[in-house]
Protein backbone atom coordinates (compact mmCIF):
# COMPACT_ATOMS: atom_id res chain seq x y z
CA UNK A 1 0.96 13.29 19.98
CA UNK A 2 3.32 14.27 17.14
CA UNK A 3 0.85 13.23 14.42
CA UNK A 4 -2.62 14.68 13.88
CA UNK A 5 -5.54 13.57 11.71
CA UNK A 6 -7.41 16.65 10.50
CA UNK A 7 -10.98 16.29 9.20
CA UNK A 8 -11.89 18.96 6.66
CA UNK A 9 -15.37 17.70 5.82
CA UNK A 10 -18.24 16.23 7.83
CA UNK A 11 -17.93 12.56 8.76
CA UNK A 12 -21.25 10.88 7.87
CA UNK A 13 -20.50 7.15 7.63
CA UNK A 14 -21.71 4.30 9.83
CA UNK A 15 -19.32 1.47 10.71
CA UNK A 16 -17.17 1.76 7.56
CA UNK A 17 -14.14 -0.25 6.51
CA UNK A 18 -10.94 1.74 6.94
CA UNK A 19 -8.46 0.93 4.16
CA UNK A 20 -4.88 2.18 4.52
CA UNK A 21 -1.86 2.13 2.22
CA UNK A 22 1.63 3.44 2.94
CA UNK A 23 4.83 3.37 0.86
CA UNK A 24 6.66 0.05 1.03
CA UNK A 25 7.76 -2.80 -1.23
CA UNK A 26 6.78 -2.00 -4.82
CA UNK A 27 4.79 0.99 -3.52
CA UNK A 28 1.87 -1.45 -3.49
CA UNK A 29 0.06 0.21 -0.58
CA UNK A 30 0.19 3.73 -1.99
CA UNK A 31 -0.62 2.71 -5.58
CA UNK A 32 -3.58 0.48 -4.63
CA UNK A 33 -5.15 2.96 -2.19
CA UNK A 34 -4.73 5.90 -4.59
CA UNK A 35 -6.16 3.89 -7.49
CA UNK A 36 -9.11 2.78 -5.36
CA UNK A 37 -9.93 6.39 -4.50
CA UNK A 38 -9.96 7.36 -8.19
CA UNK A 39 -11.91 4.33 -9.43
CA UNK A 40 -14.62 4.61 -6.77
CA UNK A 41 -14.91 8.40 -7.07
CA UNK A 42 -14.23 8.95 -3.39
CA UNK A 43 -14.38 12.39 -1.77
CA UNK A 44 -11.52 14.02 0.15
CA UNK A 45 -12.35 14.70 3.78
CA UNK A 46 -9.12 15.01 5.70
CA UNK A 47 -5.37 14.74 5.91
CA UNK A 48 -2.60 13.63 8.24
CA UNK A 49 0.02 16.10 9.37
CA UNK A 50 3.11 16.22 11.55
CA UNK A 51 5.92 18.72 12.04
CA UNK A 52 8.24 15.74 11.55
CA UNK A 53 6.92 14.96 8.05
CA UNK A 54 8.99 16.15 5.10
CA UNK A 55 7.93 19.72 4.15
CA UNK A 56 6.40 18.90 0.78
CA UNK A 57 3.06 19.13 -1.02
CA UNK A 58 1.78 16.80 -3.73
CA UNK A 59 0.37 18.43 -6.87
CA UNK A 60 -2.49 16.73 -8.74
CA UNK A 61 -4.59 18.36 -11.47
CA UNK A 62 -2.92 21.71 -10.74
CA UNK A 63 -3.87 21.54 -7.06
CA UNK A 64 -1.43 21.33 -4.11
CA UNK A 65 -2.43 18.60 -1.67
CA UNK A 66 -1.20 17.15 1.60
CA UNK A 67 0.79 14.01 0.71
CA UNK A 68 -0.98 11.96 3.42
CA UNK A 69 -4.72 12.18 2.77
CA UNK A 70 -8.10 10.67 3.68
CA UNK A 71 -11.09 9.99 1.43
CA UNK A 72 -14.59 8.66 2.00
CA UNK A 73 -17.37 7.00 0.02
CA UNK A 74 -20.87 7.05 1.44
CA UNK A 75 -22.06 4.77 -1.37
CA UNK A 76 -19.58 2.02 -0.48
CA UNK A 77 -19.25 2.93 3.22
CA UNK A 78 -15.48 3.18 3.00
CA UNK A 79 -12.69 5.35 4.32
CA UNK A 80 -9.32 5.24 2.54
CA UNK A 81 -6.16 6.81 3.85
CA UNK A 82 -2.78 6.72 2.15
CA UNK A 83 0.52 8.54 1.97
CA UNK A 84 2.65 9.58 -0.98
CA UNK A 85 5.61 10.30 1.30
CA UNK A 86 7.86 7.95 3.23
CA UNK A 87 6.76 8.01 6.87
CA UNK A 88 9.70 9.05 9.12
CA UNK A 89 10.73 6.32 11.56
CA UNK A 90 10.24 8.59 14.57
CA UNK A 91 6.54 9.10 13.74
CA UNK A 92 5.50 5.50 12.99
CA UNK A 93 4.30 4.69 16.51
CA UNK A 94 2.46 8.01 16.87
CA UNK A 95 0.80 7.62 13.46
CA UNK A 96 -0.24 4.01 14.13
CA UNK A 97 -1.73 5.04 17.48
CA UNK A 98 -3.55 7.98 15.91
CA UNK A 99 -5.06 5.77 13.19
CA UNK A 100 -6.17 3.17 15.74
CA UNK A 101 -7.79 5.80 17.99
CA UNK A 102 -9.52 7.42 15.02
CA UNK A 103 -10.87 4.07 13.81
CA UNK A 104 -12.17 3.19 17.27
CA UNK A 105 -13.72 6.61 17.84
CA UNK A 106 -15.52 6.50 14.48
CA UNK A 107 -16.66 2.90 15.03
CA UNK A 108 -14.93 1.46 11.96
CA UNK A 109 -15.93 -2.16 11.46
CA UNK A 110 -12.44 -3.23 10.37
CA UNK A 111 -9.03 -1.90 9.36
CA UNK A 112 -7.51 -3.33 6.17
CA UNK A 113 -3.86 -2.60 5.39
CA UNK A 114 -2.60 -2.95 1.80
CA UNK A 115 1.05 -3.58 0.97
CA UNK A 116 3.70 -5.69 -0.72
CA UNK A 117 5.99 -8.55 0.23
CA UNK A 118 9.23 -9.62 -1.46
CA UNK A 119 8.70 -12.07 -4.31
CA UNK A 120 10.05 -15.59 -3.82
CA UNK A 121 8.94 -17.09 -7.11
CA UNK A 122 6.16 -16.34 -9.57
CA UNK A 123 4.08 -13.27 -8.73
CA UNK A 124 0.84 -15.09 -7.99
CA UNK A 125 0.10 -14.98 -4.25
CA UNK A 126 -1.45 -12.60 -1.77
CA UNK A 127 -0.34 -13.20 1.80
CA UNK A 128 -2.21 -12.11 4.89
CA UNK A 129 -2.15 -11.57 8.64
CA UNK A 130 -5.18 -10.95 10.84
CA UNK A 131 -5.62 -9.63 14.37
CA UNK A 132 -8.33 -12.17 15.26
CA UNK A 133 -8.54 -15.96 14.64
CA UNK A 134 -11.95 -15.69 12.97
CA UNK A 135 -10.57 -13.13 10.52
CA UNK A 136 -7.65 -15.44 9.72
CA UNK A 137 -10.10 -18.20 8.85
CA UNK A 138 -12.21 -15.84 6.75
CA UNK A 139 -9.37 -14.49 4.60
CA UNK A 140 -7.89 -17.97 4.16
CA UNK A 141 -11.22 -19.13 2.70
CA UNK A 142 -11.05 -16.19 0.27
CA UNK A 143 -7.71 -17.43 -1.05
CA UNK A 144 -5.21 -15.48 1.08
CA UNK A 145 -2.11 -17.43 2.15
CA UNK A 146 -1.66 -16.92 5.89
CA UNK A 147 1.76 -16.00 7.27
CA UNK A 148 2.53 -18.28 10.20
CA UNK A 149 5.98 -16.96 11.16
CA UNK A 150 7.82 -13.79 10.20
CA UNK A 151 7.73 -10.03 10.69
CA UNK A 152 5.68 -7.19 9.27
CA UNK A 153 7.03 -3.68 9.53
CA UNK A 154 6.13 0.00 9.33
CA UNK A 155 2.82 1.64 10.13
CA UNK A 156 0.81 -1.40 9.04
CA UNK A 157 2.85 -3.77 11.21
CA UNK A 158 2.63 -1.63 14.36
CA UNK A 159 -1.08 -0.97 13.74
CA UNK A 160 -1.82 -4.68 13.28
CA UNK A 161 -0.04 -5.57 16.53
CA UNK A 162 -1.99 -2.87 18.38
CA UNK A 163 -5.26 -4.19 16.98
CA UNK A 164 -4.38 -7.75 18.03
CA UNK A 165 -3.58 -6.55 21.57
CA UNK A 166 -6.84 -4.62 21.79
CA UNK A 167 -9.03 -7.27 20.07
CA UNK A 168 -9.88 -4.89 17.24
CA UNK A 169 -10.62 -6.45 13.81
CA UNK A 170 -7.81 -5.79 11.33
CA UNK A 171 -6.14 -7.57 8.44
CA UNK A 172 -3.05 -6.96 6.33
CA UNK A 173 -3.03 -8.00 2.66
CA UNK A 174 0.44 -8.31 1.13
CA UNK A 175 0.92 -9.04 -2.57
CA UNK A 176 4.12 -10.48 -3.92
CA UNK A 177 5.90 -7.54 -5.53
CA UNK A 178 9.18 -6.37 -7.02
CA UNK A 179 11.21 -4.44 -4.47
CA UNK A 180 13.28 -2.62 -7.11
CA UNK A 181 10.50 -0.61 -8.79
CA UNK A 182 6.85 0.34 -8.40
CA UNK A 183 4.60 -2.65 -9.01
CA UNK A 184 1.07 -1.99 -10.36
CA UNK A 185 0.48 -5.74 -10.75
CA UNK A 186 1.02 -6.21 -7.01
CA UNK A 187 -1.44 -3.36 -6.39
CA UNK A 188 -3.99 -5.05 -8.69
CA UNK A 189 -3.55 -8.33 -6.80
CA UNK A 190 -4.29 -6.82 -3.38
CA UNK A 191 -7.27 -4.87 -4.77
CA UNK A 192 -8.73 -7.99 -6.37
CA UNK A 193 -8.46 -9.77 -3.02
CA UNK A 194 -9.84 -6.74 -1.17
CA UNK A 195 -12.87 -6.77 -3.49
CA UNK A 196 -13.68 -10.30 -2.38
CA UNK A 197 -13.34 -9.42 1.29
CA UNK A 198 -15.34 -6.16 1.43
CA UNK A 199 -17.66 -7.05 -1.48
CA UNK A 200 -16.91 -3.88 -3.48
CA UNK A 201 -16.04 -4.24 -7.17
CA UNK A 202 -12.81 -2.47 -8.18
CA UNK A 203 -11.80 -2.68 -11.86
CA UNK A 204 -8.03 -3.28 -11.95
CA UNK A 205 -7.52 -3.61 -15.73
CA UNK A 206 -5.68 -0.28 -15.96
CA UNK A 207 -3.23 -1.35 -13.27
CA UNK A 208 -2.48 -4.57 -15.14
CA UNK A 209 -1.91 -2.59 -18.36
CA UNK A 210 0.49 -0.30 -16.51
CA UNK A 211 2.27 -3.34 -15.12
CA UNK A 212 2.90 -4.76 -18.62
CA UNK A 213 4.19 -1.38 -19.77
CA UNK A 214 6.57 -1.10 -16.79
CA UNK A 215 7.75 -4.69 -17.17
CA UNK A 216 8.46 -3.98 -20.85
CA UNK A 217 10.51 -0.90 -19.97
CA UNK A 218 12.43 -2.74 -17.26
CA UNK A 219 13.19 -5.63 -19.65
CA UNK A 220 14.41 -3.12 -22.24
CA UNK A 221 16.67 -1.47 -19.64
CA UNK A 222 18.06 -4.86 -18.54
CA UNK A 223 18.68 -5.88 -22.16
CA UNK A 224 20.49 -2.60 -22.83
CA UNK A 225 22.57 -3.05 -19.67
CA UNK A 226 23.43 -6.60 -20.77
CA UNK A 227 24.48 -5.37 -24.22
CA UNK A 228 26.68 -2.68 -22.68
CA UNK A 229 28.23 -5.27 -20.36
CA UNK A 230 28.99 -7.61 -23.27
CA UNK A 231 30.57 -4.77 -25.25
CA UNK A 232 32.65 -3.84 -22.21
CA UNK A 233 33.85 -7.44 -21.83
CA UNK A 234 34.88 -7.54 -25.51
CA UNK A 235 36.73 -4.24 -25.21
CA UNK A 236 38.60 -5.20 -22.04
CA UNK A 237 39.40 -8.61 -23.52
CA UNK A 238 41.62 -6.99 -26.17
CA UNK A 239 44.30 -6.40 -23.56
CA UNK A 240 45.90 -3.21 -22.27
CA UNK A 241 46.45 -0.29 -24.64
CA UNK A 242 50.03 0.08 -23.36
CA UNK A 243 52.20 -2.74 -22.28
């Protein structure tokens, strides 16, 4: 196995939810999982490593950390794992298999993947896929729009397919998100839906505030680009300098 999950602290949970978030559209998975860890005051207890991962360390509050990390909350009976680095293509299958085996060994009640999906209209829907029919019915009742046909990629996609094959409970929550930049609103949307499903309150007001700030900056950049384009059109419309 080219990927290893390393536990640095004692595992003391009973049948927890395993929540995972990896970089993807709008960085929804990474942002939502990281935010959840901070808001719920979760404790670090492991990391994921591979010789094929990029040789980098994340630095938070002056401390160097493995970019792919695991946290736990005994109070909420949760495990959260996420990555701040792009997972190399040649490790996706190994990582998905390692996560599945870990979840089964530690008797996790369910795996929940968080991520984004390309926006098609207004940013107001959370889509979902489940490994079992009863889970599909459950999340649909909660307000998730089920995906009937399509593809889901990366670690979450491979992991979900493995869970479906092995009859292991797993769901994927995908918020509509902007593909061009990080999308805190998409992260807030999946966390709000996750709260309904696992019955754990997660305050997402800060994410929504960040989203408005980012949208404001993006609009400003687009307006500036438009102004520059208009000025360029005026200048080029004067004709050639020599002729």
